[in-house]
Amino acid sequence: MRRRLPAWLVMCNPASVAMGIGLVLSLAGAYAVSQWEERVTRVEFEGVAETQSIIMQNGMNEYLSRLVALRTLFESANEEVTRSEFEAFAGRLFERHPGILRVAWLPRVNRKERAEYEAAAITD
């Protein structure tokens, strides 16, 4: 007695089965490749981002150390630092560092000294 095949299997010819298997394998391969590409892209991005972060942090540390040097000028001076001394020192300190465009000298001035300060600033 011969066994009868299910109706759906009788309708499927070998070409349809091969096409179905090929389609499933193609979709599985495309998914695997997309996951691999995503991992590679993520790793590359994280590497570039970390490098840029380190560069920025080093640059900020460089500028902070220069600002500390500028503060030291005021702390180490026996007399009051003049505007021209400040400009000369700050100009040399930041001449090769374009990240800081300008450092201003703005001392604290009382109301009583304001007119005198403004006249001196205009003269400078």
PDB file of N, CA and C in Angstrom:
ATOM      1  N   MET A   1       0.808  -1.142   0.000  1.00  0.00           N
ATOM      2  CA  MET A   1       0.000   0.000   0.000  1.00  0.00           C
ATOM      3  C   MET A   1       0.884   1.251   0.000  1.00  0.00           C
ATOM      4  N   ARG A   2       0.565   2.059  -0.935  1.00  0.00           N
ATOM      5  CA  ARG A   2       1.332   3.294  -1.079  1.00  0.00           C
ATOM      6  C   ARG A   2       0.760   4.361  -0.178  1.00  0.00           C
ATOM      7  N   ARG A   3       1.668   5.066   0.360  1.00  0.00           N
ATOM      8  CA  ARG A   3       1.259   6.157   1.221  1.00  0.00           C
ATOM      9  C   ARG A   3       0.976   7.382   0.382  1.00  0.00           C
ATOM     10  N   ARG A   4      -0.019   8.061   0.718  1.00  0.00           N
ATOM     11  CA  ARG A   4      -0.404   9.232  -0.031  1.00  0.00           C
ATOM     12  C   ARG A   4       0.252  10.467   0.562  1.00  0.00           C
ATOM     13  N   LEU A   5       0.785  11.379  -0.287  1.00  0.00           N
ATOM     14  CA  LEU A   5       1.420  12.621   0.152  1.00  0.00           C
ATOM     15  C   LEU A   5       0.356  13.674   0.426  1.00  0.00           C
ATOM     16  N   PRO A   6       0.662  14.595   1.353  1.00  0.00           N
ATOM     17  CA  PRO A   6      -0.306  15.669   1.603  1.00  0.00           C
ATOM     18  C   PRO A   6      -0.504  16.500   0.333  1.00  0.00           C
ATOM     19  N   ALA A   7      -1.669  17.126   0.260  1.00  0.00           N
ATOM     20  CA  ALA A   7      -2.037  17.883  -0.950  1.00  0.00           C
ATOM     21  C   ALA A   7      -1.081  19.047  -1.188  1.00  0.00           C
ATOM     22  N   TRP A   8      -0.667  19.715  -0.155  1.00  0.00           N
ATOM     23  CA  TRP A   8       0.212  20.869  -0.356  1.00  0.00           C
ATOM     24  C   TRP A   8       1.566  20.454  -0.885  1.00  0.00           C
ATOM     25  N   LEU A   9       2.025  19.243  -0.487  1.00  0.00           N
ATOM     26  CA  LEU A   9       3.309  18.751  -0.961  1.00  0.00           C
ATOM     27  C   LEU A   9       3.226  18.302  -2.411  1.00  0.00           C
ATOM     28  N   VAL A  10       2.091  17.792  -2.794  1.00  0.00           N
ATOM     29  CA  VAL A  10       1.906  17.366  -4.185  1.00  0.00           C
ATOM     30  C   VAL A  10       1.941  18.588  -5.094  1.00  0.00           C
ATOM     31  N   MET A  11       1.390  19.713  -4.635  1.00  0.00           N
ATOM     32  CA  MET A  11       1.346  20.919  -5.452  1.00  0.00           C
ATOM     33  C   MET A  11       2.719  21.572  -5.600  1.00  0.00           C
ATOM     34  N   CYS A  12       3.606  21.371  -4.611  1.00  0.00           N
ATOM     35  CA  CYS A  12       4.923  21.998  -4.659  1.00  0.00           C
ATOM     36  C   CYS A  12       5.855  21.189  -5.544  1.00  0.00           C
ATOM     37  N   ASN A  13       6.371  21.832  -6.533  1.00  0.00           N
ATOM     38  CA  ASN A  13       7.354  21.143  -7.357  1.00  0.00           C
ATOM     39  C   ASN A  13       8.743  21.489  -6.821  1.00  0.00           C
ATOM     40  N   PRO A  14       9.771  20.792  -7.222  1.00  0.00           N
ATOM     41  CA  PRO A  14      11.123  21.022  -6.694  1.00  0.00           C
ATOM     42  C   PRO A  14      11.622  22.459  -6.904  1.00  0.00           C
ATOM     43  N   ALA A  15      11.220  23.107  -7.982  1.00  0.00           N
ATOM     44  CA  ALA A  15      11.662  24.480  -8.232  1.00  0.00           C
ATOM     45  C   ALA A  15      11.084  25.423  -7.177  1.00  0.00           C
ATOM     46  N   SER A  16       9.855  25.225  -6.787  1.00  0.00           N
ATOM     47  CA  SER A  16       9.225  26.077  -5.768  1.00  0.00           C
ATOM     48  C   SER A  16       9.885  25.866  -4.412  1.00  0.00           C
ATOM     49  N   VAL A  17      10.234  24.635  -4.092  1.00  0.00           N
ATOM     50  CA  VAL A  17      10.910  24.337  -2.828  1.00  0.00           C
ATOM     51  C   VAL A  17      12.282  25.001  -2.803  1.00  0.00           C
ATOM     52  N   ALA A  18      13.012  24.891  -3.908  1.00  0.00           N
ATOM     53  CA  ALA A  18      14.336  25.512  -3.993  1.00  0.00           C
ATOM     54  C   ALA A  18      14.218  27.029  -3.880  1.00  0.00           C
ATOM     55  N   MET A  19      13.193  27.604  -4.511  1.00  0.00           N
ATOM     56  CA  MET A  19      12.987  29.042  -4.426  1.00  0.00           C
ATOM     57  C   MET A  19      12.673  29.450  -2.989  1.00  0.00           C
ATOM     58  N   GLY A  20      11.848  28.717  -2.293  1.00  0.00           N
ATOM     59  CA  GLY A  20      11.501  29.025  -0.908  1.00  0.00           C
ATOM     60  C   GLY A  20      12.714  28.950   0.003  1.00  0.00           C
ATOM     61  N   ILE A  21      13.506  27.887  -0.160  1.00  0.00           N
ATOM     62  CA  ILE A  21      14.723  27.742   0.655  1.00  0.00           C
ATOM     63  C   ILE A  21      15.701  28.875   0.355  1.00  0.00           C
ATOM     64  N   GLY A  22      15.847  29.206  -0.929  1.00  0.00           N
ATOM     65  CA  GLY A  22      16.744  30.295  -1.322  1.00  0.00           C
ATOM     66  C   GLY A  22      16.300  31.636  -0.743  1.00  0.00           C
ATOM     67  N   LEU A  23      14.990  31.865  -0.743  1.00  0.00           N
ATOM     68  CA  LEU A  23      14.460  33.109  -0.200  1.00  0.00           C
ATOM     69  C   LEU A  23      14.728  33.204   1.301  1.00  0.00           C
ATOM     70  N   VAL A  24      14.477  32.120   2.020  1.00  0.00           N
ATOM     71  CA  VAL A  24      14.708  32.105   3.471  1.00  0.00           C
ATOM     72  C   VAL A  24      16.195  32.327   3.770  1.00  0.00           C
ATOM     73  N   LEU A  25      17.074  31.636   3.037  1.00  0.00           N
ATOM     74  CA  LEU A  25      18.515  31.803   3.256  1.00  0.00           C
ATOM     75  C   LEU A  25      18.978  33.218   2.897  1.00  0.00           C
ATOM     76  N   SER A  26      18.421  33.783   1.837  1.00  0.00           N
ATOM     77  CA  SER A  26      18.778  35.155   1.447  1.00  0.00           C
ATOM     78  C   SER A  26      18.367  36.153   2.517  1.00  0.00           C
ATOM     79  N   LEU A  27      17.162  36.019   3.043  1.00  0.00           N
ATOM     80  CA  LEU A  27      16.700  36.921   4.094  1.00  0.00           C
ATOM     81  C   LEU A  27      17.545  36.775   5.367  1.00  0.00           C
ATOM     82  N   ALA A  28      17.876  35.531   5.719  1.00  0.00           N
ATOM     83  CA  ALA A  28      18.712  35.302   6.901  1.00  0.00           C
ATOM     84  C   ALA A  28      20.100  35.913   6.690  1.00  0.00           C
ATOM     85  N   GLY A  29      20.670  35.757   5.507  1.00  0.00           N
ATOM     86  CA  GLY A  29      21.983  36.331   5.205  1.00  0.00           C
ATOM     87  C   GLY A  29      21.946  37.851   5.227  1.00  0.00           C
ATOM     88  N   ALA A  30      20.899  38.442   4.645  1.00  0.00           N
ATOM     89  CA  ALA A  30      20.778  39.903   4.645  1.00  0.00           C
ATOM     90  C   ALA A  30      20.665  40.436   6.070  1.00  0.00           C
ATOM     91  N   TYR A  31      19.916  39.762   6.922  1.00  0.00           N
ATOM     92  CA  TYR A  31      19.782  40.180   8.309  1.00  0.00           C
ATOM     93  C   TYR A  31      21.123  40.086   9.039  1.00  0.00           C
ATOM     94  N   ALA A  32      21.844  38.988   8.833  1.00  0.00           N
ATOM     95  CA  ALA A  32      23.142  38.799   9.498  1.00  0.00           C
ATOM     96  C   ALA A  32      24.137  39.874   9.048  1.00  0.00           C
ATOM     97  N   VAL A  33      24.147  40.184   7.754  1.00  0.00           N
ATOM     98  CA  VAL A  33      25.062  41.208   7.243  1.00  0.00           C
ATOM     99  C   VAL A  33      24.687  42.579   7.800  1.00  0.00           C
ATOM    100  N   SER A  34      23.393  42.890   7.888  1.00  0.00           N
ATOM    101  CA  SER A  34      22.989  44.198   8.419  1.00  0.00           C
ATOM    102  C   SER A  34      23.381  44.335   9.894  1.00  0.00           C
ATOM    103  N   GLN A  35      23.264  43.265  10.664  1.00  0.00           N
ATOM    104  CA  GLN A  35      23.668  43.299  12.071  1.00  0.00           C
ATOM    105  C   GLN A  35      25.180  43.499  12.196  1.00  0.00           C
ATOM    106  N   TRP A  36      25.944  42.822  11.346  1.00  0.00           N
ATOM    107  CA  TRP A  36      27.401  42.955  11.363  1.00  0.00           C
ATOM    108  C   TRP A  36      27.805  44.387  10.989  1.00  0.00           C
ATOM    109  N   GLU A  37      27.190  44.942   9.945  1.00  0.00           N
ATOM    110  CA  GLU A  37      27.490  46.305   9.521  1.00  0.00           C
ATOM    111  C   GLU A  37      27.145  47.305  10.622  1.00  0.00           C
ATOM    112  N   GLU A  38      26.048  47.077  11.311  1.00  0.00           N
ATOM    113  CA  GLU A  38      25.657  47.972  12.398  1.00  0.00           C
ATOM    114  C   GLU A  38      26.679  47.936  13.521  1.00  0.00           C
ATOM    115  N   ARG A  39      27.176  46.760  13.862  1.00  0.00           N
ATOM    116  CA  ARG A  39      28.194  46.644  14.906  1.00  0.00           C
ATOM    117  C   ARG A  39      29.482  47.343  14.487  1.00  0.00           C
ATOM    118  N   VAL A  40      29.909  47.137  13.240  1.00  0.00           N
ATOM    119  CA  VAL A  40      31.133  47.775  12.747  1.00  0.00           C
ATOM    120  C   VAL A  40      30.984  49.294  12.773  1.00  0.00           C
ATOM    121  N   THR A  41      29.851  49.790  12.325  1.00  0.00           N
ATOM    122  CA  THR A  41      29.610  51.235  12.310  1.00  0.00           C
ATOM    123  C   THR A  41      29.604  51.792  13.717  1.00  0.00           C
ATOM    124  N   ARG A  42      28.983  51.096  14.647  1.00  0.00           N
ATOM    125  CA  ARG A  42      28.925  51.551  16.032  1.00  0.00           C
ATOM    126  C   ARG A  42      30.326  51.615  16.639  1.00  0.00           C
ATOM    127  N   VAL A  43      31.139  50.590  16.401  1.00  0.00           N
ATOM    128  CA  VAL A  43      32.493  50.567  16.943  1.00  0.00           C
ATOM    129  C   VAL A  43      33.325  51.709  16.354  1.00  0.00           C
ATOM    130  N   GLU A  44      33.212  51.930  15.043  1.00  0.00           N
ATOM    131  CA  GLU A  44      33.950  53.028  14.409  1.00  0.00           C
ATOM    132  C   GLU A  44      33.507  54.379  14.971  1.00  0.00           C
ATOM    133  N   PHE A  45      32.195  54.568  15.113  1.00  0.00           N
ATOM    134  CA  PHE A  45      31.675  55.830  15.647  1.00  0.00           C
ATOM    135  C   PHE A  45      32.163  56.065  17.065  1.00  0.00           C
ATOM    136  N   GLU A  46      32.108  55.044  17.903  1.00  0.00           N
ATOM    137  CA  GLU A  46      32.542  55.196  19.286  1.00  0.00           C
ATOM    138  C   GLU A  46      34.032  55.523  19.357  1.00  0.00           C
ATOM    139  N   GLY A  47      34.823  54.928  18.473  1.00  0.00           N
ATOM    140  CA  GLY A  47      36.249  55.238  18.437  1.00  0.00           C
ATOM    141  C   GLY A  47      36.514  56.678  18.048  1.00  0.00           C
ATOM    142  N   VAL A  48      35.836  57.142  17.005  1.00  0.00           N
ATOM    143  CA  VAL A  48      36.004  58.535  16.567  1.00  0.00           C
ATOM    144  C   VAL A  48      35.506  59.494  17.634  1.00  0.00           C
ATOM    145  N   ALA A  49      34.368  59.193  18.246  1.00  0.00           N
ATOM    146  CA  ALA A  49      33.814  60.065  19.289  1.00  0.00           C
ATOM    147  C   ALA A  49      34.752  60.138  20.489  1.00  0.00           C
ATOM    148  N   GLU A  50      35.330  59.023  20.869  1.00  0.00           N
ATOM    149  CA  GLU A  50      36.251  59.022  22.008  1.00  0.00           C
ATOM    150  C   GLU A  50      37.508  59.828  21.684  1.00  0.00           C
ATOM    151  N   THR A  51      38.014  59.687  20.463  1.00  0.00           N
ATOM    152  CA  THR A  51      39.191  60.453  20.055  1.00  0.00           C
ATOM    153  C   THR A  51      38.899  61.951  20.084  1.00  0.00           C
ATOM    154  N   GLN A  52      37.755  62.343  19.547  1.00  0.00           N
ATOM    155  CA  GLN A  52      37.379  63.764  19.548  1.00  0.00           C
ATOM    156  C   GLN A  52      37.194  64.275  20.972  1.00  0.00           C
ATOM    157  N   SER A  53      36.631  63.461  21.838  1.00  0.00           N
ATOM    158  CA  SER A  53      36.440  63.846  23.234  1.00  0.00           C
ATOM    159  C   SER A  53      37.785  64.082  23.914  1.00  0.00           C
ATOM    160  N   ILE A  54      38.746  63.211  23.654  1.00  0.00           N
ATOM    161  CA  ILE A  54      40.082  63.364  24.247  1.00  0.00           C
ATOM    162  C   ILE A  54      40.757  64.623  23.720  1.00  0.00           C
ATOM    163  N   ILE A  55      40.622  64.882  22.420  1.00  0.00           N
ATOM    164  CA  ILE A  55      41.220  66.086  21.830  1.00  0.00           C
ATOM    165  C   ILE A  55      40.617  67.337  22.459  1.00  0.00           C
ATOM    166  N   MET A  56      39.291  67.364  22.590  1.00  0.00           N
ATOM    167  CA  MET A  56      38.635  68.526  23.191  1.00  0.00           C
ATOM    168  C   MET A  56      39.047  68.705  24.645  1.00  0.00           C
ATOM    169  N   GLN A  57      39.107  67.622  25.398  1.00  0.00           N
ATOM    170  CA  GLN A  57      39.491  67.715  26.809  1.00  0.00           C
ATOM    171  C   GLN A  57      40.923  68.217  26.945  1.00  0.00           C
ATOM    172  N   ASN A  58      41.831  67.725  26.090  1.00  0.00           N
ATOM    173  CA  ASN A  58      43.214  68.195  26.144  1.00  0.00           C
ATOM    174  C   ASN A  58      43.306  69.679  25.798  1.00  0.00           C
ATOM    175  N   GLY A  59      42.532  70.111  24.800  1.00  0.00           N
ATOM    176  CA  GLY A  59      42.523  71.527  24.444  1.00  0.00           C
ATOM    177  C   GLY A  59      42.001  72.391  25.572  1.00  0.00           C
ATOM    178  N   MET A  60      40.933  71.953  26.218  1.00  0.00           N
ATOM    179  CA  MET A  60      40.381  72.717  27.342  1.00  0.00           C
ATOM    180  C   MET A  60      41.379  72.765  28.499  1.00  0.00           C
ATOM    181  N   ASN A  61      42.048  71.645  28.764  1.00  0.00           N
ATOM    182  CA  ASN A  61      43.053  71.632  29.829  1.00  0.00           C
ATOM    183  C   ASN A  61      44.192  72.595  29.514  1.00  0.00           C
ATOM    184  N   GLU A  62      44.589  72.669  28.243  1.00  0.00           N
ATOM    185  CA  GLU A  62      45.637  73.603  27.825  1.00  0.00           C
ATOM    186  C   GLU A  62      45.218  75.044  28.099  1.00  0.00           C
ATOM    187  N   TYR A  63      44.002  75.407  27.726  1.00  0.00           N
ATOM    188  CA  TYR A  63      43.524  76.764  27.954  1.00  0.00           C
ATOM    189  C   TYR A  63      43.361  77.059  29.440  1.00  0.00           C
ATOM    190  N   LEU A  64      42.894  76.087  30.193  1.00  0.00           N
ATOM    191  CA  LEU A  64      42.762  76.297  31.641  1.00  0.00           C
ATOM    192  C   LEU A  64      44.121  76.533  32.292  1.00  0.00           C
ATOM    193  N   SER A  65      45.133  75.805  31.849  1.00  0.00           N
ATOM    194  CA  SER A  65      46.472  76.005  32.419  1.00  0.00           C
ATOM    195  C   SER A  65      46.991  77.398  32.071  1.00  0.00           C
ATOM    196  N   ARG A  66      46.648  77.905  30.898  1.00  0.00           N
ATOM    197  CA  ARG A  66      47.063  79.270  30.525  1.00  0.00           C
ATOM    198  C   ARG A  66      46.306  80.313  31.352  1.00  0.00           C
ATOM    199  N   LEU A  67      45.047  80.054  31.631  1.00  0.00           N
ATOM    200  CA  LEU A  67      44.293  80.979  32.477  1.00  0.00           C
ATOM    201  C   LEU A  67      44.822  80.972  33.911  1.00  0.00           C
ATOM    202  N   VAL A  68      45.259  79.813  34.381  1.00  0.00           N
ATOM    203  CA  VAL A  68      45.866  79.737  35.715  1.00  0.00           C
ATOM    204  C   VAL A  68      47.163  80.542  35.728  1.00  0.00           C
ATOM    205  N   ALA A  69      47.934  80.466  34.647  1.00  0.00           N
ATOM    206  CA  ALA A  69      49.154  81.266  34.553  1.00  0.00           C
ATOM    207  C   ALA A  69      48.821  82.758  34.585  1.00  0.00           C
ATOM    208  N   LEU A  70      47.747  83.137  33.935  1.00  0.00           N
ATOM    209  CA  LEU A  70      47.322  84.536  33.935  1.00  0.00           C
ATOM    210  C   LEU A  70      46.891  84.974  35.337  1.00  0.00           C
ATOM    211  N   ARG A  71      46.208  84.099  36.044  1.00  0.00           N
ATOM    212  CA  ARG A  71      45.814  84.402  37.423  1.00  0.00           C
ATOM    213  C   ARG A  71      47.047  84.548  38.319  1.00  0.00           C
ATOM    214  N   THR A  72      48.062  83.729  38.048  1.00  0.00           N
ATOM    215  CA  THR A  72      49.287  83.783  38.830  1.00  0.00           C
ATOM    216  C   THR A  72      49.975  85.133  38.678  1.00  0.00           C
ATOM    217  N   LEU A  73      49.843  85.751  37.505  1.00  0.00           N
ATOM    218  CA  LEU A  73      50.398  87.095  37.314  1.00  0.00           C
ATOM    219  C   LEU A  73      49.853  88.045  38.368  1.00  0.00           C
ATOM    220  N   PHE A  74      48.551  88.012  38.603  1.00  0.00           N
ATOM    221  CA  PHE A  74      47.942  88.906  39.589  1.00  0.00           C
ATOM    222  C   PHE A  74      48.316  88.524  41.018  1.00  0.00           C
ATOM    223  N   GLU A  75      48.404  87.241  41.276  1.00  0.00           N
ATOM    224  CA  GLU A  75      48.717  86.789  42.630  1.00  0.00           C
ATOM    225  C   GLU A  75      50.164  87.056  43.007  1.00  0.00           C
ATOM    226  N   SER A  76      51.056  87.036  42.015  1.00  0.00           N
ATOM    227  CA  SER A  76      52.479  87.190  42.319  1.00  0.00           C
ATOM    228  C   SER A  76      52.953  88.643  42.270  1.00  0.00           C
ATOM    229  N   ALA A  77      52.155  89.526  41.714  1.00  0.00           N
ATOM    230  CA  ALA A  77      52.576  90.931  41.596  1.00  0.00           C
ATOM    231  C   ALA A  77      52.517  91.614  42.958  1.00  0.00           C
ATOM    232  N   ASN A  78      53.587  92.331  43.278  1.00  0.00           N
ATOM    233  CA  ASN A  78      53.618  93.089  44.532  1.00  0.00           C
ATOM    234  C   ASN A  78      52.749  94.335  44.429  1.00  0.00           C
ATOM    235  N   GLU A  79      52.698  94.892  43.238  1.00  0.00           N
ATOM    236  CA  GLU A  79      51.894  96.084  43.001  1.00  0.00           C
ATOM    237  C   GLU A  79      50.702  95.694  42.126  1.00  0.00           C
ATOM    238  N   GLU A  80      49.838  96.660  41.895  1.00  0.00           N
ATOM    239  CA  GLU A  80      48.679  96.415  41.045  1.00  0.00           C
ATOM    240  C   GLU A  80      49.141  96.241  39.592  1.00  0.00           C
ATOM    241  N   VAL A  81      48.568  95.266  38.922  1.00  0.00           N
ATOM    242  CA  VAL A  81      48.904  95.012  37.522  1.00  0.00           C
ATOM    243  C   VAL A  81      48.179  96.039  36.659  1.00  0.00           C
ATOM    244  N   THR A  82      48.918  96.678  35.775  1.00  0.00           N
ATOM    245  CA  THR A  82      48.306  97.687  34.911  1.00  0.00           C
ATOM    246  C   THR A  82      47.680  97.028  33.696  1.00  0.00           C
ATOM    247  N   ARG A  83      46.839  97.778  33.016  1.00  0.00           N
ATOM    248  CA  ARG A  83      46.185  97.276  31.817  1.00  0.00           C
ATOM    249  C   ARG A  83      47.216  96.890  30.748  1.00  0.00           C
ATOM    250  N   SER A  84      48.229  97.712  30.566  1.00  0.00           N
ATOM    251  CA  SER A  84      49.224  97.417  29.534  1.00  0.00           C
ATOM    252  C   SER A  84      50.048  96.179  29.887  1.00  0.00           C
ATOM    253  N   GLU A  85      50.368  95.977  31.158  1.00  0.00           N
ATOM    254  CA  GLU A  85      51.085  94.762  31.577  1.00  0.00           C
ATOM    255  C   GLU A  85      50.212  93.527  31.323  1.00  0.00           C
ATOM    256  N   PHE A  86      48.957  93.667  31.667  1.00  0.00           N
ATOM    257  CA  PHE A  86      48.033  92.561  31.438  1.00  0.00           C
ATOM    258  C   PHE A  86      47.931  92.231  29.952  1.00  0.00           C
ATOM    259  N   GLU A  87      47.739  93.254  29.121  1.00  0.00           N
ATOM    260  CA  GLU A  87      47.613  93.048  27.669  1.00  0.00           C
ATOM    261  C   GLU A  87      48.863  92.377  27.101  1.00  0.00           C
ATOM    262  N   ALA A  88      50.034  92.832  27.535  1.00  0.00           N
ATOM    263  CA  ALA A  88      51.282  92.247  27.033  1.00  0.00           C
ATOM    264  C   ALA A  88      51.401  90.781  27.446  1.00  0.00           C
ATOM    265  N   PHE A  89      51.137  90.514  28.718  1.00  0.00           N
ATOM    266  CA  PHE A  89      51.256  89.142  29.219  1.00  0.00           C
ATOM    267  C   PHE A  89      50.233  88.217  28.557  1.00  0.00           C
ATOM    268  N   ALA A  90      48.982  88.648  28.505  1.00  0.00           N
ATOM    269  CA  ALA A  90      47.923  87.820  27.919  1.00  0.00           C
ATOM    270  C   ALA A  90      48.136  87.644  26.419  1.00  0.00           C
ATOM    271  N   GLY A  91      48.594  88.685  25.766  1.00  0.00           N
ATOM    272  CA  GLY A  91      48.849  88.581  24.325  1.00  0.00           C
ATOM    273  C   GLY A  91      49.885  87.525  23.999  1.00  0.00           C
ATOM    274  N   ARG A  92      50.963  87.512  24.769  1.00  0.00           N
ATOM    275  CA  ARG A  92      52.009  86.502  24.545  1.00  0.00           C
ATOM    276  C   ARG A  92      51.534  85.107  24.953  1.00  0.00           C
ATOM    277  N   LEU A  93      50.723  85.046  25.984  1.00  0.00           N
ATOM    278  CA  LEU A  93      50.258  83.759  26.504  1.00  0.00           C
ATOM    279  C   LEU A  93      49.331  83.051  25.517  1.00  0.00           C
ATOM    280  N   PHE A  94      48.519  83.821  24.794  1.00  0.00           N
ATOM    281  CA  PHE A  94      47.516  83.232  23.907  1.00  0.00           C
ATOM    282  C   PHE A  94      47.783  83.480  22.426  1.00  0.00           C
ATOM    283  N   GLU A  95      48.964  83.948  22.049  1.00  0.00           N
ATOM    284  CA  GLU A  95      49.204  84.308  20.653  1.00  0.00           C
ATOM    285  C   GLU A  95      49.128  83.126  19.700  1.00  0.00           C
ATOM    286  N   ARG A  96      49.453  81.957  20.123  1.00  0.00           N
ATOM    287  CA  ARG A  96      49.404  80.781  19.236  1.00  0.00           C
ATOM    288  C   ARG A  96      48.242  79.852  19.559  1.00  0.00           C
ATOM    289  N   HIS A  97      47.263  80.382  20.230  1.00  0.00           N
ATOM    290  CA  HIS A  97      46.097  79.588  20.624  1.00  0.00           C
ATOM    291  C   HIS A  97      44.829  80.341  20.217  1.00  0.00           C
ATOM    292  N   PRO A  98      44.352  80.098  19.016  1.00  0.00           N
ATOM    293  CA  PRO A  98      43.221  80.871  18.503  1.00  0.00           C
ATOM    294  C   PRO A  98      41.869  80.516  19.128  1.00  0.00           C
ATOM    295  N   GLY A  99      41.822  79.532  19.999  1.00  0.00           N
ATOM    296  CA  GLY A  99      40.547  79.141  20.603  1.00  0.00           C
ATOM    297  C   GLY A  99      39.977  80.208  21.517  1.00  0.00           C
ATOM    298  N   ILE A 100      40.842  80.999  22.125  1.00  0.00           N
ATOM    299  CA  ILE A 100      40.392  82.118  22.948  1.00  0.00           C
ATOM    300  C   ILE A 100      40.702  83.378  22.154  1.00  0.00           C
ATOM    301  N   LEU A 101      39.652  84.051  21.741  1.00  0.00           N
ATOM    302  CA  LEU A 101      39.834  85.228  20.895  1.00  0.00           C
ATOM    303  C   LEU A 101      40.330  86.433  21.689  1.00  0.00           C
ATOM    304  N   ARG A 102      39.812  86.589  22.898  1.00  0.00           N
ATOM    305  CA  ARG A 102      40.167  87.784  23.652  1.00  0.00           C
ATOM    306  C   ARG A 102      40.032  87.493  25.134  1.00  0.00           C
ATOM    307  N   VAL A 103      40.984  87.986  25.907  1.00  0.00           N
ATOM    308  CA  VAL A 103      40.914  87.932  27.358  1.00  0.00           C
ATOM    309  C   VAL A 103      40.892  89.379  27.821  1.00  0.00           C
ATOM    310  N   ALA A 104      39.881  89.732  28.569  1.00  0.00           N
ATOM    311  CA  ALA A 104      39.706  91.128  28.970  1.00  0.00           C
ATOM    312  C   ALA A 104      40.182  91.366  30.395  1.00  0.00           C
ATOM    313  N   TRP A 105      40.648  92.560  30.611  1.00  0.00           N
ATOM    314  CA  TRP A 105      41.079  92.992  31.935  1.00  0.00           C
ATOM    315  C   TRP A 105      39.998  93.891  32.490  1.00  0.00           C
ATOM    316  N   LEU A 106      39.280  93.387  33.480  1.00  0.00           N
ATOM    317  CA  LEU A 106      38.179  94.146  34.074  1.00  0.00           C
ATOM    318  C   LEU A 106      38.307  94.109  35.596  1.00  0.00           C
ATOM    319  N   PRO A 107      39.054  95.057  36.147  1.00  0.00           N
ATOM    320  CA  PRO A 107      39.198  95.067  37.608  1.00  0.00           C
ATOM    321  C   PRO A 107      37.917  95.559  38.273  1.00  0.00           C
ATOM    322  N   ARG A 108      37.766  95.220  39.511  1.00  0.00           N
ATOM    323  CA  ARG A 108      36.620  95.694  40.284  1.00  0.00           C
ATOM    324  C   ARG A 108      36.865  97.162  40.643  1.00  0.00           C
ATOM    325  N   VAL A 109      35.880  97.996  40.340  1.00  0.00           N
ATOM    326  CA  VAL A 109      36.011  99.440  40.547  1.00  0.00           C
ATOM    327  C   VAL A 109      34.849  99.917  41.416  1.00  0.00           C
ATOM    328  N   ASN A 110      35.173 100.656  42.453  1.00  0.00           N
ATOM    329  CA  ASN A 110      34.134 101.247  43.298  1.00  0.00           C
ATOM    330  C   ASN A 110      33.509 102.435  42.579  1.00  0.00           C
ATOM    331  N   ARG A 111      32.355 102.851  43.039  1.00  0.00           N
ATOM    332  CA  ARG A 111      31.699 104.015  42.430  1.00  0.00           C
ATOM    333  C   ARG A 111      32.557 105.266  42.537  1.00  0.00           C
ATOM    334  N   LYS A 112      33.233 105.407  43.642  1.00  0.00           N
ATOM    335  CA  LYS A 112      34.067 106.598  43.853  1.00  0.00           C
ATOM    336  C   LYS A 112      35.222 106.640  42.854  1.00  0.00           C
ATOM    337  N   GLU A 113      35.731 105.471  42.462  1.00  0.00           N
ATOM    338  CA  GLU A 113      36.883 105.390  41.561  1.00  0.00           C
ATOM    339  C   GLU A 113      36.478 105.273  40.090  1.00  0.00           C
ATOM    340  N   ARG A 114      35.208 105.221  39.812  1.00  0.00           N
ATOM    341  CA  ARG A 114      34.736 104.950  38.449  1.00  0.00           C
ATOM    342  C   ARG A 114      35.187 105.999  37.435  1.00  0.00           C
ATOM    343  N   ALA A 115      35.016 107.265  37.755  1.00  0.00           N
ATOM    344  CA  ALA A 115      35.390 108.325  36.809  1.00  0.00           C
ATOM    345  C   ALA A 115      36.884 108.273  36.496  1.00  0.00           C
ATOM    346  N   GLU A 116      37.676 108.072  37.531  1.00  0.00           N
ATOM    347  CA  GLU A 116      39.132 107.979  37.339  1.00  0.00           C
ATOM    348  C   GLU A 116      39.490 106.761  36.483  1.00  0.00           C
ATOM    349  N   TYR A 117      38.838 105.631  36.749  1.00  0.00           N
ATOM    350  CA  TYR A 117      39.094 104.408  35.973  1.00  0.00           C
ATOM    351  C   TYR A 117      38.716 104.603  34.503  1.00  0.00           C
ATOM    352  N   GLU A 118      37.549 105.200  34.246  1.00  0.00           N
ATOM    353  CA  GLU A 118      37.113 105.399  32.875  1.00  0.00           C
ATOM    354  C   GLU A 118      38.064 106.323  32.119  1.00  0.00           C
ATOM    355  N   ALA A 119      38.552 107.362  32.790  1.00  0.00           N
ATOM    356  CA  ALA A 119      39.520 108.256  32.149  1.00  0.00           C
ATOM    357  C   ALA A 119      40.807 107.536  31.826  1.00  0.00           C
ATOM    358  N   ALA A 120      41.264 106.681  32.745  1.00  0.00           N
ATOM    359  CA  ALA A 120      42.494 105.909  32.503  1.00  0.00           C
ATOM    360  C   ALA A 120      42.290 104.906  31.379  1.00  0.00           C
ATOM    361  N   ALA A 121      41.113 104.297  31.305  1.00  0.00           N
ATOM    362  CA  ALA A 121      40.822 103.331  30.241  1.00  0.00           C
ATOM    363  C   ALA A 121      40.789 104.015  28.877  1.00  0.00           C
ATOM    364  N   ILE A 122      40.241 105.200  28.821  1.00  0.00           N
ATOM    365  CA  ILE A 122      40.212 105.952  27.557  1.00  0.00           C
ATOM    366  C   ILE A 122      41.628 106.320  27.146  1.00  0.00           C
ATOM    367  N   THR A 123      42.451 106.701  28.098  1.00  0.00           N
ATOM    368  CA  THR A 123      43.834 107.040  27.802  1.00  0.00           C
ATOM    369  C   THR A 123      44.600 105.828  27.296  1.00  0.00           C
ATOM    370  N   ASP A 124      44.390 104.690  27.921  1.00  0.00           N
ATOM    371  CA  ASP A 124      45.060 103.451  27.488  1.00  0.00           C
ATOM    372  C   ASP A 124      44.633 103.072  26.099  1.00  0.00           C
TER     373      ASP A 124
END
